[in-house]
PDB file of N, CA and C in Angstrom:
ATOM      1  N   UNK A   1      -3.879  -3.823  -1.920  1.00  0.00           N
ATOM      2  CA  UNK A   1      -4.357  -5.012  -1.794  1.00  0.00           C
ATOM      3  C   UNK A   1      -4.031  -5.903  -3.067  1.00  0.00           C
ATOM      4  N   UNK A   2      -3.527  -7.013  -2.547  1.00  0.00           N
ATOM      5  CA  UNK A   2      -3.140  -8.013  -3.869  1.00  0.00           C
ATOM      6  C   UNK A   2      -2.912  -9.417  -3.152  1.00  0.00           C
ATOM      7  N   UNK A   3      -3.316 -10.394  -3.862  1.00  0.00           N
ATOM      8  CA  UNK A   3      -3.192 -11.740  -3.458  1.00  0.00           C
ATOM      9  C   UNK A   3      -1.932 -12.144  -3.525  1.00  0.00           C
ATOM     10  N   UNK A   4      -0.863 -11.734  -4.281  1.00  0.00           N
ATOM     11  CA  UNK A   4       0.457 -12.184  -4.572  1.00  0.00           C
ATOM     12  C   UNK A   4       1.401 -11.614  -3.552  1.00  0.00           C
ATOM     13  N   UNK A   5       1.812 -12.115  -2.464  1.00  0.00           N
ATOM     14  CA  UNK A   5       2.459 -11.582  -1.362  1.00  0.00           C
ATOM     15  C   UNK A   5       3.796 -10.922  -1.850  1.00  0.00           C
ATOM     16  N   UNK A   6       4.587 -11.533  -2.798  1.00  0.00           N
ATOM     17  CA  UNK A   6       5.928 -10.791  -3.190  1.00  0.00           C
ATOM     18  C   UNK A   6       5.648  -9.768  -3.980  1.00  0.00           C
ATOM     19  N   UNK A   7       4.693  -9.701  -4.898  1.00  0.00           N
ATOM     20  CA  UNK A   7       4.200  -8.569  -5.636  1.00  0.00           C
ATOM     21  C   UNK A   7       3.810  -7.339  -4.809  1.00  0.00           C
ATOM     22  N   UNK A   8       3.093  -7.805  -3.798  1.00  0.00           N
ATOM     23  CA  UNK A   8       2.690  -6.865  -2.982  1.00  0.00           C
ATOM     24  C   UNK A   8       3.640  -6.030  -2.203  1.00  0.00           C
ATOM     25  N   UNK A   9       4.535  -6.968  -1.679  1.00  0.00           N
ATOM     26  CA  UNK A   9       5.655  -6.260  -0.889  1.00  0.00           C
ATOM     27  C   UNK A   9       6.437  -5.319  -1.765  1.00  0.00           C
ATOM     28  N   UNK A  10       6.954  -5.667  -3.024  1.00  0.00           N
ATOM     29  CA  UNK A  10       7.564  -4.855  -3.931  1.00  0.00           C
ATOM     30  C   UNK A  10       6.942  -3.557  -4.248  1.00  0.00           C
ATOM     31  N   UNK A  11       5.460  -3.529  -4.546  1.00  0.00           N
ATOM     32  CA  UNK A  11       4.535  -2.581  -4.648  1.00  0.00           C
ATOM     33  C   UNK A  11       4.617  -1.304  -3.668  1.00  0.00           C
ATOM     34  N   UNK A  12       4.613  -2.026  -2.367  1.00  0.00           N
ATOM     35  CA  UNK A  12       4.497  -1.407  -1.236  1.00  0.00           C
ATOM     36  C   UNK A  12       5.781  -0.738  -1.020  1.00  0.00           C
ATOM     37  N   UNK A  13       7.051  -1.053  -1.328  1.00  0.00           N
ATOM     38  CA  UNK A  13       8.089  -0.532  -1.284  1.00  0.00           C
ATOM     39  C   UNK A  13       8.198   0.742  -2.042  1.00  0.00           C
ATOM     40  N   UNK A  14       7.912   0.341  -3.401  1.00  0.00           N
ATOM     41  CA  UNK A  14       7.834   1.368  -4.350  1.00  0.00           C
ATOM     42  C   UNK A  14       7.099   2.674  -4.002  1.00  0.00           C
ATOM     43  N   UNK A  15       6.055   2.365  -3.499  1.00  0.00           N
ATOM     44  CA  UNK A  15       5.140   3.686  -3.022  1.00  0.00           C
ATOM     45  C   UNK A  15       5.448   4.294  -1.658  1.00  0.00           C
ATOM     46  N   UNK A  16       6.343   3.573  -0.959  1.00  0.00           N
ATOM     47  CA  UNK A  16       7.146   4.228   0.258  1.00  0.00           C
ATOM     48  C   UNK A  16       8.403   4.906  -0.383  1.00  0.00           C
ATOM     49  N   UNK A  17       9.068   4.376  -1.128  1.00  0.00           N
ATOM     50  CA  UNK A  17      10.131   5.272  -1.598  1.00  0.00           C
ATOM     51  C   UNK A  17       9.649   6.545  -2.456  1.00  0.00           C
ATOM     52  N   UNK A  18       8.718   6.475  -3.287  1.00  0.00           N
ATOM     53  CA  UNK A  18       7.996   7.512  -3.978  1.00  0.00           C
ATOM     54  C   UNK A  18       7.484   8.403  -2.921  1.00  0.00           C
ATOM     55  N   UNK A  19       7.199   8.247  -1.836  1.00  0.00           N
ATOM     56  CA  UNK A  19       6.522   8.974  -0.865  1.00  0.00           C
ATOM     57  C   UNK A  19       7.464   9.854   0.086  1.00  0.00           C
ATOM     58  N   UNK A  20       8.521   9.417  -0.146  1.00  0.00           N
ATOM     59  CA  UNK A  20       9.537  10.347   0.710  1.00  0.00           C
ATOM     60  C   UNK A  20       9.590  11.788   0.518  1.00  0.00           C
ATOM     61  N   UNK A  21       8.752  12.305  -0.532  1.00  0.00           N
ATOM     62  CA  UNK A  21       8.895  13.711  -0.680  1.00  0.00           C
ATOM     63  C   UNK A  21       7.603  14.151  -0.486  1.00  0.00           C
ATOM     64  N   UNK A  22       6.650  13.483   0.066  1.00  0.00           N
ATOM     65  CA  UNK A  22       5.442  13.844   0.294  1.00  0.00           C
ATOM     66  C   UNK A  22       5.133  13.561   1.911  1.00  0.00           C
ATOM     67  N   UNK A  23       4.052  14.095   2.225  1.00  0.00           N
ATOM     68  CA  UNK A  23       3.876  13.840   3.935  1.00  0.00           C
ATOM     69  C   UNK A  23       2.837  12.818   3.790  1.00  0.00           C
ATOM     70  N   UNK A  24       3.159  11.738   3.611  1.00  0.00           N
ATOM     71  CA  UNK A  24       2.331  10.471   3.484  1.00  0.00           C
ATOM     72  C   UNK A  24       2.370   9.954   5.091  1.00  0.00           C
ATOM     73  N   UNK A  25       1.322   9.726   5.610  1.00  0.00           N
ATOM     74  CA  UNK A  25       1.233   9.290   6.988  1.00  0.00           C
ATOM     75  C   UNK A  25       1.452   7.849   7.079  1.00  0.00           C
ATOM     76  N   UNK A  26       0.980   7.032   6.123  1.00  0.00           N
ATOM     77  CA  UNK A  26       0.993   5.636   6.287  1.00  0.00           C
ATOM     78  C   UNK A  26       0.604   5.059   5.068  1.00  0.00           C
ATOM     79  N   UNK A  27       1.544   3.939   5.010  1.00  0.00           N
ATOM     80  CA  UNK A  27       1.418   3.143   3.362  1.00  0.00           C
ATOM     81  C   UNK A  27       1.508   1.743   4.063  1.00  0.00           C
ATOM     82  N   UNK A  28       0.307   0.861   3.745  1.00  0.00           N
ATOM     83  CA  UNK A  28       0.384  -0.685   4.339  1.00  0.00           C
ATOM     84  C   UNK A  28       0.041  -1.450   2.988  1.00  0.00           C
ATOM     85  N   UNK A  29       0.268  -2.471   3.130  1.00  0.00           N
ATOM     86  CA  UNK A  29      -0.098  -3.661   2.126  1.00  0.00           C
ATOM     87  C   UNK A  29      -0.451  -4.775   2.881  1.00  0.00           C
ATOM     88  N   UNK A  30      -1.352  -5.345   2.210  1.00  0.00           N
ATOM     89  CA  UNK A  30      -1.833  -6.739   2.996  1.00  0.00           C
ATOM     90  C   UNK A  30      -2.724  -7.586   1.799  1.00  0.00           C
ATOM     91  N   UNK A  31      -3.174  -8.619   2.390  1.00  0.00           N
ATOM     92  CA  UNK A  31      -4.006  -9.446   1.394  1.00  0.00           C
ATOM     93  C   UNK A  31      -5.332  -9.133   1.763  1.00  0.00           C
ATOM     94  N   UNK A  32      -5.744  -8.743   2.868  1.00  0.00           N
ATOM     95  CA  UNK A  32      -6.937  -8.613   3.407  1.00  0.00           C
ATOM     96  C   UNK A  32      -7.558  -6.937   3.179  1.00  0.00           C
ATOM     97  N   UNK A  33      -8.637  -7.123   2.606  1.00  0.00           N
ATOM     98  CA  UNK A  33      -9.459  -5.801   2.343  1.00  0.00           C
ATOM     99  C   UNK A  33      -9.746  -4.818   3.604  1.00  0.00           C
ATOM    100  N   UNK A  34      -9.789  -5.493   4.819  1.00  0.00           N
ATOM    101  CA  UNK A  34      -9.993  -4.842   5.795  1.00  0.00           C
ATOM    102  C   UNK A  34      -9.047  -3.702   6.303  1.00  0.00           C
ATOM    103  N   UNK A  35      -7.684  -3.866   5.753  1.00  0.00           N
ATOM    104  CA  UNK A  35      -6.783  -2.786   5.853  1.00  0.00           C
ATOM    105  C   UNK A  35      -7.196  -1.294   5.309  1.00  0.00           C
ATOM    106  N   UNK A  36      -8.044  -1.514   4.343  1.00  0.00           N
ATOM    107  CA  UNK A  36      -8.542  -0.406   3.505  1.00  0.00           C
ATOM    108  C   UNK A  36      -9.398   0.565   4.266  1.00  0.00           C
ATOM    109  N   UNK A  37      -9.998   0.087   5.421  1.00  0.00           N
ATOM    110  CA  UNK A  37     -11.216   0.776   6.215  1.00  0.00           C
ATOM    111  C   UNK A  37     -10.370   2.208   6.707  1.00  0.00           C
ATOM    112  N   UNK A  38     -11.167   3.196   6.310  1.00  0.00           N
ATOM    113  CA  UNK A  38     -11.036   4.647   6.696  1.00  0.00           C
ATOM    114  C   UNK A  38      -9.942   5.162   5.745  1.00  0.00           C
ATOM    115  N   UNK A  39      -9.513   4.535   4.546  1.00  0.00           N
ATOM    116  CA  UNK A  39      -8.350   5.165   3.845  1.00  0.00           C
ATOM    117  C   UNK A  39      -9.120   6.161   2.940  1.00  0.00           C
ATOM    118  N   UNK A  40      -8.266   6.963   2.687  1.00  0.00           N
ATOM    119  CA  UNK A  40      -8.532   8.064   1.588  1.00  0.00           C
ATOM    120  C   UNK A  40      -8.196   7.527   0.067  1.00  0.00           C
ATOM    121  N   UNK A  41      -7.081   6.873  -0.060  1.00  0.00           N
ATOM    122  CA  UNK A  41      -6.783   6.463  -1.288  1.00  0.00           C
ATOM    123  C   UNK A  41      -6.510   5.043  -1.260  1.00  0.00           C
ATOM    124  N   UNK A  42      -6.914   4.081  -2.078  1.00  0.00           N
ATOM    125  CA  UNK A  42      -6.642   2.675  -1.865  1.00  0.00           C
ATOM    126  C   UNK A  42      -6.079   2.266  -3.436  1.00  0.00           C
ATOM    127  N   UNK A  43      -5.103   1.606  -3.465  1.00  0.00           N
ATOM    128  CA  UNK A  43      -4.432   0.854  -4.921  1.00  0.00           C
ATOM    129  C   UNK A  43      -4.758  -0.480  -4.608  1.00  0.00           C
ATOM    130  N   UNK A  44      -5.406  -0.966  -5.926  1.00  0.00           N
ATOM    131  CA  UNK A  44      -5.884  -2.219  -5.888  1.00  0.00           C
ATOM    132  C   UNK A  44      -5.200  -2.818  -7.035  1.00  0.00           C
ATOM    133  N   UNK A  45      -4.332  -3.822  -6.962  1.00  0.00           N
ATOM    134  CA  UNK A  45      -3.733  -4.373  -8.115  1.00  0.00           C
ATOM    135  C   UNK A  45      -4.195  -5.833  -8.481  1.00  0.00           C
TER     136      UNK A  45
END
């Protein structure tokens, strides 16, 4: 979750790239905290 969309997109791509070796089900990024509902891990920048 971040208010700066360009930074948000870059951080999401970094997390997606790093998760290639994990069995991560879903990585999402948004300016709205509602996307964090039912999340096990949340990264707030």
